[in-house]
Amino acid sequence: MAGKMSVAIVLMCFMVLVAAVQLSQAHGDDGSSSYKVCFMKCFDFFKASGLGNSLSEIKCDQKCSEFEKFEQILEKLKP
């Protein structure tokens, strides 16, 4: 009985940790404000169009990562 209880506690802690990591990633906490703005606008758009959370996050992460890289290239090209 005690063994099952400790396994259950470990699994609950693991689930809380995973949820916390996903939450921080979903809000674009990578330090870039342009990424955060892009991600939140994109995520809201796809959620409103009926796409699920996971697919919205994947599409928006790809789109906004490319947008962020493009902005960095433009910054380097400025005189």
PDB file of N, CA and C in Angstrom:
ATOM      1  N   MET A   1       0.817  -1.198   0.000  1.00  0.00           N
ATOM      2  CA  MET A   1       0.000   0.000   0.000  1.00  0.00           C
ATOM      3  C   MET A   1       0.866   1.268   0.000  1.00  0.00           C
ATOM      4  N   ALA A   2       1.914   1.259   0.807  1.00  0.00           N
ATOM      5  CA  ALA A   2       2.793   2.435   0.882  1.00  0.00           C
ATOM      6  C   ALA A   2       3.535   2.629  -0.435  1.00  0.00           C
ATOM      7  N   GLY A   3       3.869   1.535  -1.108  1.00  0.00           N
ATOM      8  CA  GLY A   3       4.556   1.623  -2.397  1.00  0.00           C
ATOM      9  C   GLY A   3       3.685   2.272  -3.458  1.00  0.00           C
ATOM     10  N   LYS A   4       2.402   1.919  -3.471  1.00  0.00           N
ATOM     11  CA  LYS A   4       1.476   2.514  -4.439  1.00  0.00           C
ATOM     12  C   LYS A   4       1.279   3.996  -4.157  1.00  0.00           C
ATOM     13  N   MET A   5       1.256   4.341  -2.869  1.00  0.00           N
ATOM     14  CA  MET A   5       1.066   5.745  -2.480  1.00  0.00           C
ATOM     15  C   MET A   5       2.258   6.588  -2.927  1.00  0.00           C
ATOM     16  N   SER A   6       3.488   6.084  -2.748  1.00  0.00           N
ATOM     17  CA  SER A   6       4.668   6.848  -3.148  1.00  0.00           C
ATOM     18  C   SER A   6       4.750   6.984  -4.669  1.00  0.00           C
ATOM     19  N   VAL A   7       4.350   5.951  -5.401  1.00  0.00           N
ATOM     20  CA  VAL A   7       4.322   6.033  -6.863  1.00  0.00           C
ATOM     21  C   VAL A   7       3.307   7.082  -7.304  1.00  0.00           C
ATOM     22  N   ALA A   8       2.167   7.111  -6.659  1.00  0.00           N
ATOM     23  CA  ALA A   8       1.141   8.096  -6.996  1.00  0.00           C
ATOM     24  C   ALA A   8       1.625   9.519  -6.724  1.00  0.00           C
ATOM     25  N   ILE A   9       2.341   9.713  -5.642  1.00  0.00           N
ATOM     26  CA  ILE A   9       2.862  11.046  -5.308  1.00  0.00           C
ATOM     27  C   ILE A   9       3.910  11.477  -6.329  1.00  0.00           C
ATOM     28  N   VAL A  10       4.788  10.564  -6.706  1.00  0.00           N
ATOM     29  CA  VAL A  10       5.813  10.877  -7.711  1.00  0.00           C
ATOM     30  C   VAL A  10       5.153  11.232  -9.045  1.00  0.00           C
ATOM     31  N   LEU A  11       4.152  10.482  -9.454  1.00  0.00           N
ATOM     32  CA  LEU A  11       3.454  10.775 -10.706  1.00  0.00           C
ATOM     33  C   LEU A  11       2.752  12.131 -10.661  1.00  0.00           C
ATOM     34  N   MET A  12       2.151  12.463  -9.540  1.00  0.00           N
ATOM     35  CA  MET A  12       1.483  13.772  -9.409  1.00  0.00           C
ATOM     36  C   MET A  12       2.501  14.902  -9.509  1.00  0.00           C
ATOM     37  N   CYS A  13       3.645  14.746  -8.854  1.00  0.00           N
ATOM     38  CA  CYS A  13       4.691  15.777  -8.932  1.00  0.00           C
ATOM     39  C   CYS A  13       5.184  15.936 -10.366  1.00  0.00           C
ATOM     40  N   PHE A  14       5.340  14.818 -11.055  1.00  0.00           N
ATOM     41  CA  PHE A  14       5.774  14.860 -12.446  1.00  0.00           C
ATOM     42  C   PHE A  14       4.755  15.584 -13.315  1.00  0.00           C
ATOM     43  N   MET A  15       3.483  15.318 -13.111  1.00  0.00           N
ATOM     44  CA  MET A  15       2.435  15.965 -13.902  1.00  0.00           C
ATOM     45  C   MET A  15       2.396  17.470 -13.655  1.00  0.00           C
ATOM     46  N   VAL A  16       2.598  17.888 -12.419  1.00  0.00           N
ATOM     47  CA  VAL A  16       2.626  19.315 -12.107  1.00  0.00           C
ATOM     48  C   VAL A  16       3.822  19.981 -12.779  1.00  0.00           C
ATOM     49  N   LEU A  17       4.958  19.311 -12.751  1.00  0.00           N
ATOM     50  CA  LEU A  17       6.152  19.852 -13.395  1.00  0.00           C
ATOM     51  C   LEU A  17       5.952  20.008 -14.896  1.00  0.00           C
ATOM     52  N   VAL A  18       5.403  18.993 -15.537  1.00  0.00           N
ATOM     53  CA  VAL A  18       5.149  19.047 -16.979  1.00  0.00           C
ATOM     54  C   VAL A  18       4.173  20.171 -17.312  1.00  0.00           C
ATOM     55  N   ALA A  19       3.132  20.323 -16.529  1.00  0.00           N
ATOM     56  CA  ALA A  19       2.151  21.383 -16.772  1.00  0.00           C
ATOM     57  C   ALA A  19       2.795  22.763 -16.635  1.00  0.00           C
ATOM     58  N   ALA A  20       3.658  22.927 -15.652  1.00  0.00           N
ATOM     59  CA  ALA A  20       4.322  24.222 -15.454  1.00  0.00           C
ATOM     60  C   ALA A  20       5.247  24.550 -16.612  1.00  0.00           C
ATOM     61  N   VAL A  21       5.965  23.572 -17.116  1.00  0.00           N
ATOM     62  CA  VAL A  21       6.867  23.792 -18.249  1.00  0.00           C
ATOM     63  C   VAL A  21       6.078  24.140 -19.501  1.00  0.00           C
ATOM     64  N   GLN A  22       4.996  23.420 -19.749  1.00  0.00           N
ATOM     65  CA  GLN A  22       4.183  23.698 -20.926  1.00  0.00           C
ATOM     66  C   GLN A  22       3.556  25.080 -20.849  1.00  0.00           C
ATOM     67  N   LEU A  23       3.133  25.488 -19.678  1.00  0.00           N
ATOM     68  CA  LEU A  23       2.531  26.808 -19.521  1.00  0.00           C
ATOM     69  C   LEU A  23       3.543  27.902 -19.827  1.00  0.00           C
ATOM     70  N   SER A  24       4.763  27.752 -19.340  1.00  0.00           N
ATOM     71  CA  SER A  24       5.767  28.781 -19.613  1.00  0.00           C
ATOM     72  C   SER A  24       6.134  28.817 -21.093  1.00  0.00           C
ATOM     73  N   GLN A  25       6.154  27.661 -21.770  1.00  0.00           N
ATOM     74  CA  GLN A  25       6.458  27.629 -23.193  1.00  0.00           C
ATOM     75  C   GLN A  25       5.311  28.199 -24.014  1.00  0.00           C
ATOM     76  N   ALA A  26       4.104  27.953 -23.584  1.00  0.00           N
ATOM     77  CA  ALA A  26       2.941  28.418 -24.336  1.00  0.00           C
ATOM     78  C   ALA A  26       2.843  29.930 -24.366  1.00  0.00           C
ATOM     79  N   HIS A  27       3.358  30.575 -23.351  1.00  0.00           N
ATOM     80  CA  HIS A  27       3.293  32.027 -23.313  1.00  0.00           C
ATOM     81  C   HIS A  27       4.544  32.670 -23.884  1.00  0.00           C
ATOM     82  N   GLY A  28       5.399  31.870 -24.507  1.00  0.00           N
ATOM     83  CA  GLY A  28       6.569  32.417 -25.187  1.00  0.00           C
ATOM     84  C   GLY A  28       7.566  33.055 -24.253  1.00  0.00           C
ATOM     85  N   ASP A  29       7.811  32.493 -23.108  1.00  0.00           N
ATOM     86  CA  ASP A  29       8.730  33.066 -22.141  1.00  0.00           C
ATOM     87  C   ASP A  29      10.177  32.808 -22.511  1.00  0.00           C
ATOM     88  N   ASP A  30      10.541  33.154 -23.734  1.00  0.00           N
ATOM     89  CA  ASP A  30      11.916  32.954 -24.175  1.00  0.00           C
ATOM     90  C   ASP A  30      12.683  34.274 -24.198  1.00  0.00           C
ATOM     91  N   GLY A  31      12.077  35.343 -23.719  1.00  0.00           N
ATOM     92  CA  GLY A  31      12.765  36.612 -23.613  1.00  0.00           C
ATOM     93  C   GLY A  31      12.496  37.583 -24.745  1.00  0.00           C
ATOM     94  N   SER A  32      11.885  37.158 -25.820  1.00  0.00           N
ATOM     95  CA  SER A  32      11.651  38.024 -26.967  1.00  0.00           C
ATOM     96  C   SER A  32      10.226  38.573 -26.940  1.00  0.00           C
ATOM     97  N   SER A  33      10.096  39.882 -26.843  1.00  0.00           N
ATOM     98  CA  SER A  33       8.759  40.463 -26.780  1.00  0.00           C
ATOM     99  C   SER A  33       8.039  40.353 -28.129  1.00  0.00           C
ATOM    100  N   SER A  34       8.775  40.416 -29.242  1.00  0.00           N
ATOM    101  CA  SER A  34       8.125  40.280 -30.549  1.00  0.00           C
ATOM    102  C   SER A  34       7.566  38.869 -30.720  1.00  0.00           C
ATOM    103  N   TYR A  35       8.275  37.880 -30.199  1.00  0.00           N
ATOM    104  CA  TYR A  35       7.790  36.502 -30.257  1.00  0.00           C
ATOM    105  C   TYR A  35       6.522  36.363 -29.419  1.00  0.00           C
ATOM    106  N   LYS A  36       6.529  36.944 -28.235  1.00  0.00           N
ATOM    107  CA  LYS A  36       5.358  36.849 -27.347  1.00  0.00           C
ATOM    108  C   LYS A  36       4.128  37.469 -27.987  1.00  0.00           C
ATOM    109  N   VAL A  37       4.284  38.656 -28.545  1.00  0.00           N
ATOM    110  CA  VAL A  37       3.161  39.347 -29.180  1.00  0.00           C
ATOM    111  C   VAL A  37       2.645  38.539 -30.362  1.00  0.00           C
ATOM    112  N   CYS A  38       3.563  38.071 -31.192  1.00  0.00           N
ATOM    113  CA  CYS A  38       3.190  37.269 -32.356  1.00  0.00           C
ATOM    114  C   CYS A  38       2.468  35.997 -31.917  1.00  0.00           C
ATOM    115  N   PHE A  39       3.023  35.311 -30.928  1.00  0.00           N
ATOM    116  CA  PHE A  39       2.453  34.042 -30.485  1.00  0.00           C
ATOM    117  C   PHE A  39       1.050  34.226 -29.922  1.00  0.00           C
ATOM    118  N   MET A  40       0.864  35.223 -29.089  1.00  0.00           N
ATOM    119  CA  MET A  40      -0.445  35.399 -28.459  1.00  0.00           C
ATOM    120  C   MET A  40      -1.509  35.785 -29.494  1.00  0.00           C
ATOM    121  N   LYS A  41      -1.160  36.650 -30.442  1.00  0.00           N
ATOM    122  CA  LYS A  41      -2.117  37.013 -31.495  1.00  0.00           C
ATOM    123  C   LYS A  41      -2.451  35.799 -32.355  1.00  0.00           C
ATOM    124  N   CYS A  42      -1.429  35.054 -32.738  1.00  0.00           N
ATOM    125  CA  CYS A  42      -1.616  33.878 -33.572  1.00  0.00           C
ATOM    126  C   CYS A  42      -2.435  32.818 -32.841  1.00  0.00           C
ATOM    127  N   PHE A  43      -2.100  32.573 -31.580  1.00  0.00           N
ATOM    128  CA  PHE A  43      -2.792  31.551 -30.786  1.00  0.00           C
ATOM    129  C   PHE A  43      -4.268  31.908 -30.644  1.00  0.00           C
ATOM    130  N   ASP A  44      -4.561  33.166 -30.357  1.00  0.00           N
ATOM    131  CA  ASP A  44      -5.960  33.598 -30.239  1.00  0.00           C
ATOM    132  C   ASP A  44      -6.710  33.422 -31.555  1.00  0.00           C
ATOM    133  N   PHE A  45      -6.037  33.727 -32.667  1.00  0.00           N
ATOM    134  CA  PHE A  45      -6.664  33.578 -33.980  1.00  0.00           C
ATOM    135  C   PHE A  45      -7.033  32.123 -34.258  1.00  0.00           C
ATOM    136  N   PHE A  46      -6.066  31.217 -34.055  1.00  0.00           N
ATOM    137  CA  PHE A  46      -6.324  29.809 -34.349  1.00  0.00           C
ATOM    138  C   PHE A  46      -7.326  29.198 -33.379  1.00  0.00           C
ATOM    139  N   LYS A  47      -7.305  29.625 -32.124  1.00  0.00           N
ATOM    140  CA  LYS A  47      -8.286  29.117 -31.160  1.00  0.00           C
ATOM    141  C   LYS A  47      -9.693  29.568 -31.557  1.00  0.00           C
ATOM    142  N   ALA A  48      -9.818  30.803 -32.008  1.00  0.00           N
ATOM    143  CA  ALA A  48     -11.125  31.325 -32.427  1.00  0.00           C
ATOM    144  C   ALA A  48     -11.625  30.605 -33.677  1.00  0.00           C
ATOM    145  N   SER A  49     -10.696  30.122 -34.510  1.00  0.00           N
ATOM    146  CA  SER A  49     -11.114  29.419 -35.720  1.00  0.00           C
ATOM    147  C   SER A  49     -11.407  27.945 -35.456  1.00  0.00           C
ATOM    148  N   GLY A  50     -11.277  27.505 -34.201  1.00  0.00           N
ATOM    149  CA  GLY A  50     -11.668  26.150 -33.830  1.00  0.00           C
ATOM    150  C   GLY A  50     -10.555  25.124 -33.799  1.00  0.00           C
ATOM    151  N   LEU A  51      -9.311  25.554 -33.962  1.00  0.00           N
ATOM    152  CA  LEU A  51      -8.186  24.627 -33.908  1.00  0.00           C
ATOM    153  C   LEU A  51      -7.871  24.310 -32.448  1.00  0.00           C
ATOM    154  N   GLY A  52      -7.451  23.102 -32.152  1.00  0.00           N
ATOM    155  CA  GLY A  52      -7.138  22.700 -30.780  1.00  0.00           C
ATOM    156  C   GLY A  52      -5.896  23.384 -30.242  1.00  0.00           C
ATOM    157  N   ASN A  53      -5.689  23.275 -28.930  1.00  0.00           N
ATOM    158  CA  ASN A  53      -4.540  23.909 -28.277  1.00  0.00           C
ATOM    159  C   ASN A  53      -3.212  23.458 -28.853  1.00  0.00           C
ATOM    160  N   SER A  54      -3.027  22.161 -28.978  1.00  0.00           N
ATOM    161  CA  SER A  54      -1.729  21.636 -29.428  1.00  0.00           C
ATOM    162  C   SER A  54      -1.404  22.084 -30.850  1.00  0.00           C
ATOM    163  N   LEU A  55      -2.364  21.961 -31.752  1.00  0.00           N
ATOM    164  CA  LEU A  55      -2.110  22.381 -33.132  1.00  0.00           C
ATOM    165  C   LEU A  55      -1.898  23.885 -33.227  1.00  0.00           C
ATOM    166  N   SER A  56      -2.641  24.653 -32.439  1.00  0.00           N
ATOM    167  CA  SER A  56      -2.457  26.108 -32.429  1.00  0.00           C
ATOM    168  C   SER A  56      -1.053  26.455 -31.962  1.00  0.00           C
ATOM    169  N   GLU A  57      -0.593  25.803 -30.896  1.00  0.00           N
ATOM    170  CA  GLU A  57       0.747  26.074 -30.375  1.00  0.00           C
ATOM    171  C   GLU A  57       1.820  25.713 -31.392  1.00  0.00           C
ATOM    172  N   ILE A  58       1.667  24.580 -32.054  1.00  0.00           N
ATOM    173  CA  ILE A  58       2.666  24.155 -33.040  1.00  0.00           C
ATOM    174  C   ILE A  58       2.731  25.141 -34.197  1.00  0.00           C
ATOM    175  N   LYS A  59       1.573  25.480 -34.761  1.00  0.00           N
ATOM    176  CA  LYS A  59       1.539  26.405 -35.897  1.00  0.00           C
ATOM    177  C   LYS A  59       2.095  27.772 -35.514  1.00  0.00           C
ATOM    178  N   CYS A  60       1.693  28.269 -34.356  1.00  0.00           N
ATOM    179  CA  CYS A  60       2.129  29.600 -33.944  1.00  0.00           C
ATOM    180  C   CYS A  60       3.608  29.630 -33.580  1.00  0.00           C
ATOM    181  N   ASP A  61       4.106  28.567 -32.968  1.00  0.00           N
ATOM    182  CA  ASP A  61       5.526  28.523 -32.637  1.00  0.00           C
ATOM    183  C   ASP A  61       6.364  28.545 -33.905  1.00  0.00           C
ATOM    184  N   GLN A  62       5.966  27.776 -34.907  1.00  0.00           N
ATOM    185  CA  GLN A  62       6.700  27.765 -36.171  1.00  0.00           C
ATOM    186  C   GLN A  62       6.657  29.130 -36.838  1.00  0.00           C
ATOM    187  N   LYS A  63       5.459  29.698 -36.925  1.00  0.00           N
ATOM    188  CA  LYS A  63       5.283  30.989 -37.598  1.00  0.00           C
ATOM    189  C   LYS A  63       6.067  32.090 -36.888  1.00  0.00           C
ATOM    190  N   CYS A  64       5.940  32.142 -35.581  1.00  0.00           N
ATOM    191  CA  CYS A  64       6.555  33.236 -34.833  1.00  0.00           C
ATOM    192  C   CYS A  64       8.069  33.070 -34.698  1.00  0.00           C
ATOM    193  N   SER A  65       8.555  31.847 -34.688  1.00  0.00           N
ATOM    194  CA  SER A  65      10.009  31.624 -34.683  1.00  0.00           C
ATOM    195  C   SER A  65      10.620  32.125 -35.986  1.00  0.00           C
ATOM    196  N   GLU A  66       9.957  31.841 -37.104  1.00  0.00           N
ATOM    197  CA  GLU A  66      10.437  32.331 -38.394  1.00  0.00           C
ATOM    198  C   GLU A  66      10.381  33.857 -38.453  1.00  0.00           C
ATOM    199  N   PHE A  67       9.310  34.431 -37.921  1.00  0.00           N
ATOM    200  CA  PHE A  67       9.170  35.886 -37.892  1.00  0.00           C
ATOM    201  C   PHE A  67      10.288  36.517 -37.057  1.00  0.00           C
ATOM    202  N   GLU A  68      10.592  35.897 -35.928  1.00  0.00           N
ATOM    203  CA  GLU A  68      11.645  36.409 -35.057  1.00  0.00           C
ATOM    204  C   GLU A  68      13.011  36.332 -35.743  1.00  0.00           C
ATOM    205  N   LYS A  69      13.286  35.232 -36.447  1.00  0.00           N
ATOM    206  CA  LYS A  69      14.551  35.102 -37.175  1.00  0.00           C
ATOM    207  C   LYS A  69      14.650  36.159 -38.266  1.00  0.00           C
ATOM    208  N   PHE A  70      13.538  36.404 -38.967  1.00  0.00           N
ATOM    209  CA  PHE A  70      13.504  37.432 -40.011  1.00  0.00           C
ATOM    210  C   PHE A  70      13.812  38.807 -39.422  1.00  0.00           C
ATOM    211  N   GLU A  71      13.225  39.111 -38.264  1.00  0.00           N
ATOM    212  CA  GLU A  71      13.492  40.400 -37.608  1.00  0.00           C
ATOM    213  C   GLU A  71      14.963  40.529 -37.220  1.00  0.00           C
ATOM    214  N   GLN A  72      15.559  39.442 -36.747  1.00  0.00           N
ATOM    215  CA  GLN A  72      16.976  39.477 -36.364  1.00  0.00           C
ATOM    216  C   GLN A  72      17.857  39.730 -37.581  1.00  0.00           C
ATOM    217  N   ILE A  73      17.501  39.141 -38.716  1.00  0.00           N
ATOM    218  CA  ILE A  73      18.267  39.362 -39.947  1.00  0.00           C
ATOM    219  C   ILE A  73      18.143  40.815 -40.384  1.00  0.00           C
ATOM    220  N   LEU A  74      16.930  41.367 -40.299  1.00  0.00           N
ATOM    221  CA  LEU A  74      16.740  42.772 -40.653  1.00  0.00           C
ATOM    222  C   LEU A  74      17.546  43.698 -39.743  1.00  0.00           C
ATOM    223  N   GLU A  75      17.636  43.371 -38.462  1.00  0.00           N
ATOM    224  CA  GLU A  75      18.417  44.187 -37.521  1.00  0.00           C
ATOM    225  C   GLU A  75      19.889  44.185 -37.903  1.00  0.00           C
ATOM    226  N   LYS A  76      20.398  43.037 -38.357  1.00  0.00           N
ATOM    227  CA  LYS A  76      21.804  42.953 -38.754  1.00  0.00           C
ATOM    228  C   LYS A  76      22.095  43.735 -40.020  1.00  0.00           C
ATOM    229  N   LEU A  77      21.090  43.850 -40.905  1.00  0.00           N
ATOM    230  CA  LEU A  77      21.275  44.535 -42.173  1.00  0.00           C
ATOM    231  C   LEU A  77      21.183  46.050 -42.060  1.00  0.00           C
ATOM    232  N   LYS A  78      20.635  46.536 -40.968  1.00  0.00           N
ATOM    233  CA  LYS A  78      20.527  47.989 -40.797  1.00  0.00           C
ATOM    234  C   LYS A  78      21.909  48.611 -40.645  1.00  0.00           C
ATOM    235  N   PRO A  79      22.116  49.762 -41.300  1.00  0.00           N
ATOM    236  CA  PRO A  79      23.430  50.418 -41.216  1.00  0.00           C
ATOM    237  C   PRO A  79      23.683  51.072 -39.879  1.00  0.00           C
TER     238      PRO A  79
END
